[in-house]
Amino acid sequence: MKAGKFKVEKIVGYVLLAVGLVFVFLPMLLALSMFLGGTRAPQLITSAGASDPFAAFSNTLLTFFILIIITWAGSITSSRGVTLIKEIKFKVVRESLGEEVKVVKKENA
């Protein structure tokens, strides 16, 4: 029963890692494409004038801000996936556990 649970957690971890990496690399490629002039930034803010520099700067800034938020969400998703993938092993040392019990007993007495 436990082996199946760990297998499902690893599968979910790998899926989260893959989705997170897509969310990291896709905005990075879109930003690079906009920076190099391959694509134009979406017109989120429209202006009355044809060549309003404030509107163009605002559109570019807002687009990059949105891409940064998507990248941040991808990094969080990837870190959650890695946390599910890696196994956590606990090691209990009997001697140190016995010493802690003695200290607690002395403090209570």
C-alpha atoms as a PDB file:
ATOM      1  CA  MET A   1       0.000   0.000   0.000  1.00  0.00           C
ATOM      2  CA  LYS A   2       2.763   2.423   0.910  1.00  0.00           C
ATOM      3  CA  ALA A   3       4.755   1.647  -2.235  1.00  0.00           C
ATOM      4  CA  GLY A   4       1.790   2.682  -4.412  1.00  0.00           C
ATOM      5  CA  LYS A   5       1.424   5.958  -2.543  1.00  0.00           C
ATOM      6  CA  PHE A   6       5.089   6.803  -3.034  1.00  0.00           C
ATOM      7  CA  LYS A   7       4.861   5.934  -6.718  1.00  0.00           C
ATOM      8  CA  VAL A   8       1.885   8.264  -7.202  1.00  0.00           C
ATOM      9  CA  GLU A   9       3.713  11.054  -5.337  1.00  0.00           C
ATOM     10  CA  LYS A  10       6.733  10.652  -7.620  1.00  0.00           C
ATOM     11  CA  ILE A  11       4.564  10.738 -10.743  1.00  0.00           C
ATOM     12  CA  VAL A  12       2.798  13.874  -9.525  1.00  0.00           C
ATOM     13  CA  GLY A  13       6.209  15.334  -8.656  1.00  0.00           C
ATOM     14  CA  TYR A  14       7.542  14.747 -12.158  1.00  0.00           C
ATOM     15  CA  VAL A  15       4.383  16.234 -13.695  1.00  0.00           C
ATOM     16  CA  LEU A  16       4.686  19.338 -11.483  1.00  0.00           C
ATOM     17  CA  LEU A  17       8.366  19.633 -12.375  1.00  0.00           C
ATOM     18  CA  ALA A  18       7.608  19.453 -16.097  1.00  0.00           C
ATOM     19  CA  VAL A  19       4.755  21.976 -15.881  1.00  0.00           C
ATOM     20  CA  GLY A  20       6.902  24.302 -13.782  1.00  0.00           C
ATOM     21  CA  LEU A  21       9.776  24.137 -16.266  1.00  0.00           C
ATOM     22  CA  VAL A  22       7.389  24.959 -19.119  1.00  0.00           C
ATOM     23  CA  PHE A  23       6.149  27.941 -17.106  1.00  0.00           C
ATOM     24  CA  VAL A  24       9.758  29.056 -16.600  1.00  0.00           C
ATOM     25  CA  PHE A  25      11.133  28.585 -20.110  1.00  0.00           C
ATOM     26  CA  LEU A  26       8.139  29.694 -22.205  1.00  0.00           C
ATOM     27  CA  PRO A  27       7.980  33.258 -20.793  1.00  0.00           C
ATOM     28  CA  MET A  28      11.767  33.433 -21.019  1.00  0.00           C
ATOM     29  CA  LEU A  29      11.643  32.593 -24.726  1.00  0.00           C
ATOM     30  CA  LEU A  30       8.767  35.042 -25.327  1.00  0.00           C
ATOM     31  CA  ALA A  31      10.657  37.831 -23.554  1.00  0.00           C
ATOM     32  CA  LEU A  32      13.806  37.071 -25.546  1.00  0.00           C
ATOM     33  CA  SER A  33      11.788  37.115 -28.765  1.00  0.00           C
ATOM     34  CA  MET A  34      10.281  40.500 -27.869  1.00  0.00           C
ATOM     35  CA  PHE A  35      13.650  41.859 -26.835  1.00  0.00           C
ATOM     36  CA  LEU A  36      15.324  40.796 -30.074  1.00  0.00           C
ATOM     37  CA  GLY A  37      12.460  42.229 -32.138  1.00  0.00           C
ATOM     38  CA  GLY A  38      10.968  38.970 -33.423  1.00  0.00           C
ATOM     39  CA  THR A  39       7.526  39.706 -31.976  1.00  0.00           C
ATOM     40  CA  ARG A  40       5.758  42.793 -30.732  1.00  0.00           C
ATOM     41  CA  ALA A  41       4.523  43.235 -27.192  1.00  0.00           C
ATOM     42  CA  PRO A  42       0.744  42.838 -26.898  1.00  0.00           C
ATOM     43  CA  GLN A  43      -1.164  46.120 -26.900  1.00  0.00           C
ATOM     44  CA  LEU A  44      -2.669  46.006 -23.415  1.00  0.00           C
ATOM     45  CA  ILE A  45      -2.883  49.810 -23.165  1.00  0.00           C
ATOM     46  CA  THR A  46      -4.234  51.638 -26.215  1.00  0.00           C
ATOM     47  CA  SER A  47      -3.427  55.225 -27.028  1.00  0.00           C
ATOM     48  CA  ALA A  48      -5.215  57.922 -29.004  1.00  0.00           C
ATOM     49  CA  GLY A  49      -2.057  58.901 -30.898  1.00  0.00           C
ATOM     50  CA  ALA A  50      -0.428  56.524 -33.347  1.00  0.00           C
ATOM     51  CA  SER A  51       3.049  56.864 -31.851  1.00  0.00           C
ATOM     52  CA  ASP A  52       2.516  57.529 -28.160  1.00  0.00           C
ATOM     53  CA  PRO A  53       5.816  56.600 -26.454  1.00  0.00           C
ATOM     54  CA  PHE A  54       4.193  56.335 -23.019  1.00  0.00           C
ATOM     55  CA  ALA A  55       1.715  53.699 -24.230  1.00  0.00           C
ATOM     56  CA  ALA A  56       4.433  51.677 -25.948  1.00  0.00           C
ATOM     57  CA  PHE A  57       6.639  51.775 -22.840  1.00  0.00           C
ATOM     58  CA  SER A  58       3.694  50.890 -20.590  1.00  0.00           C
ATOM     59  CA  ASN A  59       2.734  47.937 -22.790  1.00  0.00           C
ATOM     60  CA  THR A  60       6.268  46.597 -22.788  1.00  0.00           C
ATOM     61  CA  LEU A  61       6.675  47.070 -19.037  1.00  0.00           C
ATOM     62  CA  LEU A  62       3.309  45.467 -18.257  1.00  0.00           C
ATOM     63  CA  THR A  63       4.050  42.525 -20.553  1.00  0.00           C
ATOM     64  CA  PHE A  64       7.411  41.855 -18.923  1.00  0.00           C
ATOM     65  CA  PHE A  65       5.828  42.157 -15.461  1.00  0.00           C
ATOM     66  CA  ILE A  66       3.241  39.520 -16.400  1.00  0.00           C
ATOM     67  CA  LEU A  67       5.979  37.264 -17.783  1.00  0.00           C
ATOM     68  CA  ILE A  68       7.964  37.635 -14.557  1.00  0.00           C
ATOM     69  CA  ILE A  69       4.925  36.586 -12.498  1.00  0.00           C
ATOM     70  CA  ILE A  70       4.397  33.529 -14.720  1.00  0.00           C
ATOM     71  CA  THR A  71       8.076  32.608 -14.351  1.00  0.00           C
ATOM     72  CA  TRP A  72       7.842  32.984 -10.571  1.00  0.00           C
ATOM     73  CA  ALA A  73       4.781  30.695 -10.490  1.00  0.00           C
ATOM     74  CA  GLY A  74       6.704  28.163 -12.591  1.00  0.00           C
ATOM     75  CA  SER A  75       9.623  28.180 -10.186  1.00  0.00           C
ATOM     76  CA  ILE A  76       7.283  27.587  -7.230  1.00  0.00           C
ATOM     77  CA  THR A  77       5.581  24.723  -9.103  1.00  0.00           C
ATOM     78  CA  SER A  78       8.945  23.174  -9.987  1.00  0.00           C
ATOM     79  CA  SER A  79      10.174  23.355  -6.418  1.00  0.00           C
ATOM     80  CA  ARG A  80       7.007  21.613  -5.198  1.00  0.00           C
ATOM     81  CA  GLY A  81       7.590  18.894  -7.787  1.00  0.00           C
ATOM     82  CA  VAL A  82      11.186  18.385  -6.688  1.00  0.00           C
ATOM     83  CA  THR A  83      10.018  18.172  -3.075  1.00  0.00           C
ATOM     84  CA  LEU A  84       7.628  15.350  -4.029  1.00  0.00           C
ATOM     85  CA  ILE A  85      10.244  13.537  -6.102  1.00  0.00           C
ATOM     86  CA  LYS A  86      13.082  13.335  -3.617  1.00  0.00           C
ATOM     87  CA  GLU A  87      12.825  10.859  -0.793  1.00  0.00           C
ATOM     88  CA  ILE A  88      13.212  12.098   2.735  1.00  0.00           C
ATOM     89  CA  LYS A  89      14.969   9.633   4.978  1.00  0.00           C
ATOM     90  CA  PHE A  90      15.015  10.088   8.714  1.00  0.00           C
ATOM     91  CA  LYS A  91      17.782   8.659  10.806  1.00  0.00           C
ATOM     92  CA  VAL A  92      17.222   8.302  14.519  1.00  0.00           C
ATOM     93  CA  VAL A  93      20.235   7.697  16.682  1.00  0.00           C
ATOM     94  CA  ARG A  94      19.351   5.820  19.824  1.00  0.00           C
ATOM     95  CA  GLU A  95      22.005   7.382  22.001  1.00  0.00           C
ATOM     96  CA  SER A  96      20.967  10.946  21.278  1.00  0.00           C
ATOM     97  CA  LEU A  97      17.306  10.019  21.788  1.00  0.00           C
ATOM     98  CA  GLY A  98      18.120   8.493  25.173  1.00  0.00           C
ATOM     99  CA  GLU A  99      20.033  11.622  26.221  1.00  0.00           C
ATOM    100  CA  GLU A 100      17.085  13.851  25.280  1.00  0.00           C
ATOM    101  CA  VAL A 101      14.739  11.729  27.405  1.00  0.00           C
ATOM    102  CA  LYS A 102      17.106  12.055  30.379  1.00  0.00           C
ATOM    103  CA  VAL A 103      17.249  15.845  29.990  1.00  0.00           C
ATOM    104  CA  VAL A 104      13.458  16.112  29.834  1.00  0.00           C
ATOM    105  CA  LYS A 105      13.093  13.947  32.950  1.00  0.00           C
ATOM    106  CA  LYS A 106      15.608  16.129  34.852  1.00  0.00           C
ATOM    107  CA  GLU A 107      13.756  19.334  33.853  1.00  0.00           C
ATOM    108  CA  ASN A 108      10.387  17.930  34.982  1.00  0.00           C
ATOM    109  CA  ALA A 109      11.717  16.705  38.354  1.00  0.00           C
END
